[in-house]
Every structure is written in C-alpha cells, then in structure tokens.
N, C-alpha and C. Protein backbone atom coordinates (compact mmCIF):
# COMPACT_ATOMS: atom_id res chain seq x y z
N UNK A 1 -2.72 -14.05 18.02
CA UNK A 1 -3.50 -13.31 17.03
C UNK A 1 -3.30 -13.99 15.67
N UNK A 2 -4.37 -14.16 14.93
CA UNK A 2 -4.30 -14.78 13.62
C UNK A 2 -3.66 -13.83 12.62
N UNK A 3 -3.16 -14.39 11.52
CA UNK A 3 -2.48 -13.60 10.49
C UNK A 3 -3.40 -12.50 9.95
N UNK A 4 -4.66 -12.84 9.69
CA UNK A 4 -5.61 -11.85 9.17
C UNK A 4 -5.81 -10.71 10.17
N UNK A 5 -5.97 -11.07 11.43
CA UNK A 5 -6.16 -10.05 12.47
C UNK A 5 -4.91 -9.17 12.60
N UNK A 6 -3.75 -9.80 12.52
CA UNK A 6 -2.49 -9.05 12.60
C UNK A 6 -2.41 -8.07 11.43
N UNK A 7 -2.70 -8.55 10.23
CA UNK A 7 -2.68 -7.69 9.04
C UNK A 7 -3.63 -6.51 9.17
N UNK A 8 -4.83 -6.79 9.66
CA UNK A 8 -5.81 -5.71 9.83
C UNK A 8 -5.35 -4.70 10.87
N UNK A 9 -4.73 -5.18 11.93
CA UNK A 9 -4.24 -4.28 12.98
C UNK A 9 -3.16 -3.35 12.42
N UNK A 10 -2.25 -3.90 11.61
CA UNK A 10 -1.18 -3.06 11.06
C UNK A 10 -1.71 -2.14 9.96
N UNK A 11 -2.71 -2.58 9.21
CA UNK A 11 -3.34 -1.67 8.23
C UNK A 11 -3.99 -0.50 8.95
N UNK A 12 -4.65 -0.77 10.08
CA UNK A 12 -5.26 0.31 10.86
C UNK A 12 -4.22 1.28 11.39
N UNK A 13 -3.10 0.75 11.87
CA UNK A 13 -2.01 1.62 12.35
C UNK A 13 -1.45 2.46 11.21
N UNK A 14 -1.28 1.83 10.04
CA UNK A 14 -0.77 2.56 8.87
C UNK A 14 -1.74 3.66 8.47
N UNK A 15 -3.03 3.35 8.46
CA UNK A 15 -4.04 4.34 8.09
C UNK A 15 -4.01 5.54 9.04
N UNK A 16 -3.98 5.27 10.34
CA UNK A 16 -3.91 6.36 11.32
C UNK A 16 -2.65 7.20 11.12
N UNK A 17 -1.54 6.53 10.91
CA UNK A 17 -0.27 7.23 10.70
C UNK A 17 -0.34 8.14 9.47
N UNK A 18 -0.84 7.61 8.35
CA UNK A 18 -0.90 8.39 7.12
C UNK A 18 -1.90 9.53 7.22
N UNK A 19 -3.02 9.29 7.89
CA UNK A 19 -3.99 10.38 8.09
C UNK A 19 -3.38 11.48 8.95
N UNK A 20 -2.54 11.12 9.91
CA UNK A 20 -1.88 12.14 10.74
C UNK A 20 -0.89 12.96 9.90
N UNK A 21 -0.46 12.41 8.77
CA UNK A 21 0.45 13.11 7.85
C UNK A 21 -0.30 13.86 6.76
N UNK A 22 -1.64 13.86 6.84
CA UNK A 22 -2.44 14.67 5.92
C UNK A 22 -3.03 13.92 4.73
N UNK A 23 -2.85 12.62 4.63
CA UNK A 23 -3.44 11.87 3.53
C UNK A 23 -4.91 11.59 3.83
N UNK A 24 -5.71 11.50 2.78
CA UNK A 24 -7.15 11.25 2.90
C UNK A 24 -7.46 9.87 2.32
N UNK A 25 -8.21 9.08 3.08
CA UNK A 25 -8.57 7.74 2.64
C UNK A 25 -9.60 7.80 1.51
N UNK A 26 -9.32 7.07 0.44
CA UNK A 26 -10.26 6.92 -0.68
C UNK A 26 -10.91 5.54 -0.61
N UNK A 27 -10.09 4.51 -0.39
CA UNK A 27 -10.59 3.13 -0.40
C UNK A 27 -9.65 2.27 0.44
N UNK A 28 -10.22 1.29 1.12
CA UNK A 28 -9.41 0.35 1.90
C UNK A 28 -9.72 -1.06 1.42
N UNK A 29 -8.70 -1.88 1.26
CA UNK A 29 -8.83 -3.26 0.81
C UNK A 29 -9.59 -3.36 -0.51
N UNK A 30 -9.10 -2.64 -1.50
CA UNK A 30 -9.70 -2.64 -2.83
C UNK A 30 -9.28 -3.92 -3.56
N UNK A 31 -10.26 -4.65 -4.08
CA UNK A 31 -10.00 -5.92 -4.76
C UNK A 31 -10.25 -5.80 -6.26
N UNK A 32 -9.42 -6.52 -7.02
CA UNK A 32 -9.63 -6.71 -8.45
C UNK A 32 -9.30 -8.17 -8.75
N UNK A 33 -9.50 -8.61 -9.98
CA UNK A 33 -9.10 -9.98 -10.31
C UNK A 33 -7.59 -10.23 -10.13
N UNK A 34 -6.80 -9.17 -10.10
CA UNK A 34 -5.34 -9.31 -9.99
C UNK A 34 -4.85 -9.36 -8.55
N UNK A 35 -5.65 -8.85 -7.62
CA UNK A 35 -5.22 -8.84 -6.24
C UNK A 35 -5.89 -7.73 -5.45
N UNK A 36 -5.21 -7.32 -4.38
CA UNK A 36 -5.76 -6.33 -3.46
C UNK A 36 -4.76 -5.22 -3.22
N UNK A 37 -5.28 -4.02 -3.03
CA UNK A 37 -4.46 -2.90 -2.57
C UNK A 37 -4.97 -2.55 -1.18
N UNK A 38 -4.05 -2.48 -0.23
CA UNK A 38 -4.44 -2.27 1.16
C UNK A 38 -5.11 -0.92 1.37
N UNK A 39 -4.45 0.14 0.92
CA UNK A 39 -4.98 1.50 1.11
C UNK A 39 -4.81 2.29 -0.17
N UNK A 40 -5.85 3.03 -0.52
CA UNK A 40 -5.76 4.00 -1.61
C UNK A 40 -6.10 5.34 -0.99
N UNK A 41 -5.15 6.27 -1.10
CA UNK A 41 -5.31 7.55 -0.41
C UNK A 41 -4.95 8.70 -1.34
N UNK A 42 -5.36 9.88 -0.95
CA UNK A 42 -5.04 11.09 -1.68
C UNK A 42 -4.04 11.89 -0.86
N UNK A 43 -2.90 12.21 -1.47
CA UNK A 43 -1.85 13.01 -0.84
C UNK A 43 -1.70 14.27 -1.68
N UNK A 44 -2.29 15.36 -1.20
CA UNK A 44 -2.43 16.58 -2.01
C UNK A 44 -3.25 16.19 -3.23
N UNK A 45 -2.68 16.26 -4.42
CA UNK A 45 -3.43 15.89 -5.63
C UNK A 45 -2.92 14.59 -6.25
N UNK A 46 -2.18 13.82 -5.45
CA UNK A 46 -1.59 12.56 -5.92
C UNK A 46 -2.39 11.39 -5.37
N UNK A 47 -2.78 10.47 -6.25
CA UNK A 47 -3.46 9.24 -5.86
C UNK A 47 -2.39 8.23 -5.47
N UNK A 48 -2.46 7.76 -4.22
CA UNK A 48 -1.39 6.91 -3.68
C UNK A 48 -1.95 5.51 -3.39
N UNK A 49 -1.29 4.52 -3.98
CA UNK A 49 -1.63 3.12 -3.75
C UNK A 49 -0.61 2.58 -2.75
N UNK A 50 -1.11 2.07 -1.61
CA UNK A 50 -0.22 1.76 -0.50
C UNK A 50 -0.32 0.28 -0.12
N UNK A 51 0.84 -0.35 -0.08
CA UNK A 51 0.96 -1.73 0.39
C UNK A 51 1.49 -1.68 1.82
N UNK A 52 0.80 -2.36 2.73
CA UNK A 52 1.21 -2.41 4.13
C UNK A 52 1.80 -3.79 4.38
N UNK A 53 3.02 -3.81 4.91
CA UNK A 53 3.72 -5.08 5.17
C UNK A 53 4.21 -5.09 6.61
N UNK A 54 4.18 -6.29 7.20
CA UNK A 54 4.65 -6.46 8.58
C UNK A 54 5.53 -7.70 8.66
N UNK A 55 6.62 -7.57 9.36
CA UNK A 55 7.49 -8.69 9.70
C UNK A 55 7.94 -8.50 11.14
N UNK A 56 7.98 -9.58 11.89
CA UNK A 56 8.44 -9.51 13.29
C UNK A 56 9.90 -9.13 13.37
N UNK A 57 10.70 -9.64 12.42
CA UNK A 57 12.15 -9.48 12.47
C UNK A 57 12.68 -8.99 11.13
N UNK A 58 13.92 -8.55 11.14
CA UNK A 58 14.58 -8.12 9.91
C UNK A 58 15.17 -9.30 9.13
N UNK A 59 14.98 -10.50 9.64
CA UNK A 59 15.48 -11.69 8.93
C UNK A 59 14.94 -11.68 7.50
N UNK A 60 15.74 -12.09 6.58
CA UNK A 60 15.35 -12.17 5.17
C UNK A 60 14.99 -10.81 4.58
N UNK A 61 15.52 -9.73 5.14
CA UNK A 61 15.34 -8.41 4.55
C UNK A 61 14.25 -7.55 5.14
N UNK A 62 13.44 -8.06 6.03
CA UNK A 62 12.41 -7.26 6.66
C UNK A 62 11.18 -7.06 5.79
N UNK A 63 10.29 -6.19 6.25
CA UNK A 63 8.97 -6.02 5.63
C UNK A 63 9.05 -5.40 4.24
N UNK A 64 9.86 -4.37 4.06
CA UNK A 64 9.89 -3.67 2.78
C UNK A 64 10.36 -4.57 1.65
N UNK A 65 11.32 -5.43 1.92
CA UNK A 65 11.85 -6.29 0.86
C UNK A 65 10.87 -7.39 0.46
N UNK A 66 9.79 -7.55 1.22
CA UNK A 66 8.80 -8.58 0.88
C UNK A 66 7.86 -8.14 -0.24
N UNK A 67 7.99 -6.89 -0.69
CA UNK A 67 7.19 -6.41 -1.82
C UNK A 67 8.00 -6.72 -3.08
N UNK A 68 7.85 -7.94 -3.54
CA UNK A 68 8.64 -8.46 -4.66
C UNK A 68 8.19 -7.86 -5.99
N UNK A 69 8.98 -8.02 -7.03
CA UNK A 69 8.54 -7.55 -8.36
C UNK A 69 7.20 -8.15 -8.79
N UNK A 70 6.94 -9.40 -8.46
CA UNK A 70 5.64 -10.01 -8.80
C UNK A 70 4.51 -9.31 -8.04
N UNK A 71 4.73 -9.01 -6.76
CA UNK A 71 3.73 -8.30 -5.95
C UNK A 71 3.52 -6.89 -6.51
N UNK A 72 4.60 -6.23 -6.91
CA UNK A 72 4.50 -4.90 -7.50
C UNK A 72 3.64 -4.93 -8.77
N UNK A 73 3.82 -5.96 -9.59
CA UNK A 73 3.02 -6.10 -10.82
C UNK A 73 1.54 -6.25 -10.50
N UNK A 74 1.22 -7.09 -9.52
CA UNK A 74 -0.18 -7.29 -9.14
C UNK A 74 -0.79 -6.00 -8.58
N UNK A 75 -0.02 -5.26 -7.80
CA UNK A 75 -0.51 -3.98 -7.27
C UNK A 75 -0.76 -3.02 -8.42
N UNK A 76 0.17 -2.93 -9.36
CA UNK A 76 0.02 -2.02 -10.50
C UNK A 76 -1.19 -2.41 -11.36
N UNK A 77 -1.40 -3.71 -11.57
CA UNK A 77 -2.55 -4.15 -12.36
C UNK A 77 -3.86 -3.79 -11.65
N UNK A 78 -3.89 -3.99 -10.34
CA UNK A 78 -5.07 -3.65 -9.56
C UNK A 78 -5.28 -2.13 -9.57
N UNK A 79 -4.21 -1.37 -9.51
CA UNK A 79 -4.31 0.09 -9.59
C UNK A 79 -4.91 0.52 -10.93
N UNK A 80 -4.52 -0.14 -12.00
CA UNK A 80 -5.08 0.20 -13.32
C UNK A 80 -6.58 -0.06 -13.35
N UNK A 81 -7.03 -1.14 -12.73
CA UNK A 81 -8.47 -1.43 -12.66
C UNK A 81 -9.16 -0.31 -11.89
N UNK A 82 -8.60 0.08 -10.74
CA UNK A 82 -9.18 1.15 -9.93
C UNK A 82 -9.25 2.45 -10.73
N UNK A 83 -8.17 2.81 -11.40
CA UNK A 83 -8.11 4.05 -12.17
C UNK A 83 -9.18 4.05 -13.25
N UNK A 84 -9.35 2.93 -13.93
CA UNK A 84 -10.39 2.84 -14.95
C UNK A 84 -11.79 2.91 -14.37
N UNK A 85 -12.01 2.23 -13.27
CA UNK A 85 -13.32 2.19 -12.63
C UNK A 85 -13.73 3.56 -12.10
N UNK A 86 -12.77 4.29 -11.55
CA UNK A 86 -13.08 5.59 -10.95
C UNK A 86 -12.72 6.77 -11.85
N UNK A 87 -12.41 6.46 -13.11
CA UNK A 87 -12.11 7.51 -14.11
C UNK A 87 -11.08 8.50 -13.59
N UNK A 88 -9.98 7.95 -13.07
CA UNK A 88 -8.91 8.76 -12.48
C UNK A 88 -7.69 8.80 -13.38
N UNK A 89 -7.88 8.63 -14.69
CA UNK A 89 -6.76 8.53 -15.62
C UNK A 89 -5.87 9.77 -15.65
N UNK A 90 -6.42 10.92 -15.35
CA UNK A 90 -5.65 12.17 -15.44
C UNK A 90 -4.86 12.46 -14.16
N UNK A 91 -5.05 11.64 -13.15
CA UNK A 91 -4.38 11.91 -11.87
C UNK A 91 -2.95 11.38 -11.87
N UNK A 92 -2.10 12.09 -11.15
CA UNK A 92 -0.76 11.59 -10.89
C UNK A 92 -0.88 10.50 -9.84
N UNK A 93 -0.17 9.39 -10.05
CA UNK A 93 -0.26 8.25 -9.13
C UNK A 93 1.12 7.91 -8.58
N UNK A 94 1.10 7.27 -7.42
CA UNK A 94 2.35 6.88 -6.77
C UNK A 94 2.10 5.56 -6.02
N UNK A 95 3.15 4.76 -5.90
CA UNK A 95 3.08 3.49 -5.17
C UNK A 95 3.98 3.59 -3.95
N UNK A 96 3.36 3.53 -2.77
CA UNK A 96 4.09 3.62 -1.50
C UNK A 96 4.03 2.29 -0.77
N UNK A 97 4.95 2.12 0.17
CA UNK A 97 4.94 0.96 1.06
C UNK A 97 5.05 1.48 2.49
N UNK A 98 4.20 0.95 3.35
CA UNK A 98 4.35 1.16 4.79
C UNK A 98 4.87 -0.16 5.33
N UNK A 99 6.08 -0.13 5.85
CA UNK A 99 6.73 -1.35 6.33
C UNK A 99 6.89 -1.30 7.84
N UNK A 100 6.31 -2.28 8.50
CA UNK A 100 6.48 -2.45 9.94
C UNK A 100 7.45 -3.61 10.14
N UNK A 101 8.58 -3.34 10.73
CA UNK A 101 9.51 -4.39 11.11
C UNK A 101 9.66 -4.30 12.61
N UNK A 102 9.09 -5.30 13.29
CA UNK A 102 8.99 -5.20 14.74
C UNK A 102 8.09 -4.01 15.05
N UNK A 103 8.48 -3.15 15.99
CA UNK A 103 7.64 -2.00 16.33
C UNK A 103 7.87 -0.77 15.44
N UNK A 104 8.88 -0.84 14.56
CA UNK A 104 9.26 0.33 13.75
C UNK A 104 8.38 0.47 12.52
N UNK A 105 8.03 1.72 12.20
CA UNK A 105 7.26 2.02 11.00
C UNK A 105 8.15 2.78 10.03
N UNK A 106 8.07 2.40 8.77
CA UNK A 106 8.86 3.05 7.73
C UNK A 106 7.94 3.32 6.54
N UNK A 107 7.71 4.60 6.27
CA UNK A 107 6.88 5.01 5.13
C UNK A 107 7.82 5.26 3.96
N UNK A 108 7.71 4.44 2.94
CA UNK A 108 8.55 4.57 1.76
C UNK A 108 7.70 5.16 0.64
N UNK A 109 7.86 6.46 0.44
CA UNK A 109 7.12 7.13 -0.63
C UNK A 109 7.77 6.78 -1.98
N UNK A 110 6.91 6.59 -2.98
CA UNK A 110 7.39 6.22 -4.32
C UNK A 110 8.34 5.02 -4.22
N UNK A 111 7.88 3.99 -3.53
CA UNK A 111 8.70 2.80 -3.28
C UNK A 111 9.07 2.07 -4.58
N UNK A 112 8.17 2.14 -5.55
CA UNK A 112 8.46 1.54 -6.84
C UNK A 112 7.62 2.23 -7.91
N UNK A 113 8.11 2.13 -9.15
CA UNK A 113 7.36 2.64 -10.30
C UNK A 113 6.48 1.52 -10.82
N UNK A 114 5.45 1.88 -11.55
CA UNK A 114 4.59 0.87 -12.13
C UNK A 114 5.41 0.02 -13.10
N UNK A 115 5.44 -1.30 -12.88
CA UNK A 115 6.20 -2.17 -13.76
C UNK A 115 5.46 -2.48 -15.07
N UNK A 116 4.33 -1.86 -15.28
CA UNK A 116 3.53 -2.12 -16.50
C UNK A 116 3.84 -1.13 -17.59
C-alpha cells in the first residue's frame, strides 16, 4: 500500500473512531498555504483540529512524538485560516492527535496548545 493510501486508511479509521465517540465532522483534509489539517470536528461546543499519525513501530518515539513543534505551528496557522474563513473566532478550540502505533489507537485530547 502506498503512503498516501495508508494515510487515508488511517484517517478513515480515526474518523470512524471519533464519530463513535460523538464528534461531528466539519471538514476533512482542510488546506491552507501553511499546510493541512486532517480532521476538523465538533466535540460538544468545542472546535477540534485533529492530526492523524501512523507509525508501524514505537521506534523513535512512535506516532504521537512525530507531531513536532514545527508541525504544531503549521497546524495552528492552518487552524487560524480556517477560523477566519468560517468566522469561528468565538468558539473554543482544541488540538488533538490520533496516534496509531502498530494496531493501537491513542486519542490524545488537547495534545498541544496553539504555539502562536
């Protein structure tokens, strides 16, 4: 399976998992000049920006540790574009990570604060 196909498969698994937990999909694969956000969902009244990561093994820290400070900055910048575009400035926002390491899924709520 190609990297793109693998990424899409894990994004689909993450989406199904989060929907089973009551989150509602707002946007998938949202692009801005700064980058992409895999999933944007609503959790109660909180707008959640979700990065989905996959690693076969825990070598080098696993999937969650691959969301580096530089990646966090790009996600936050892209989130700001989304918030401005959709006039969501008054909403509470959160940055989550769904980390797949091997077959295991780990939902990290509020994985990081906006570095901006």
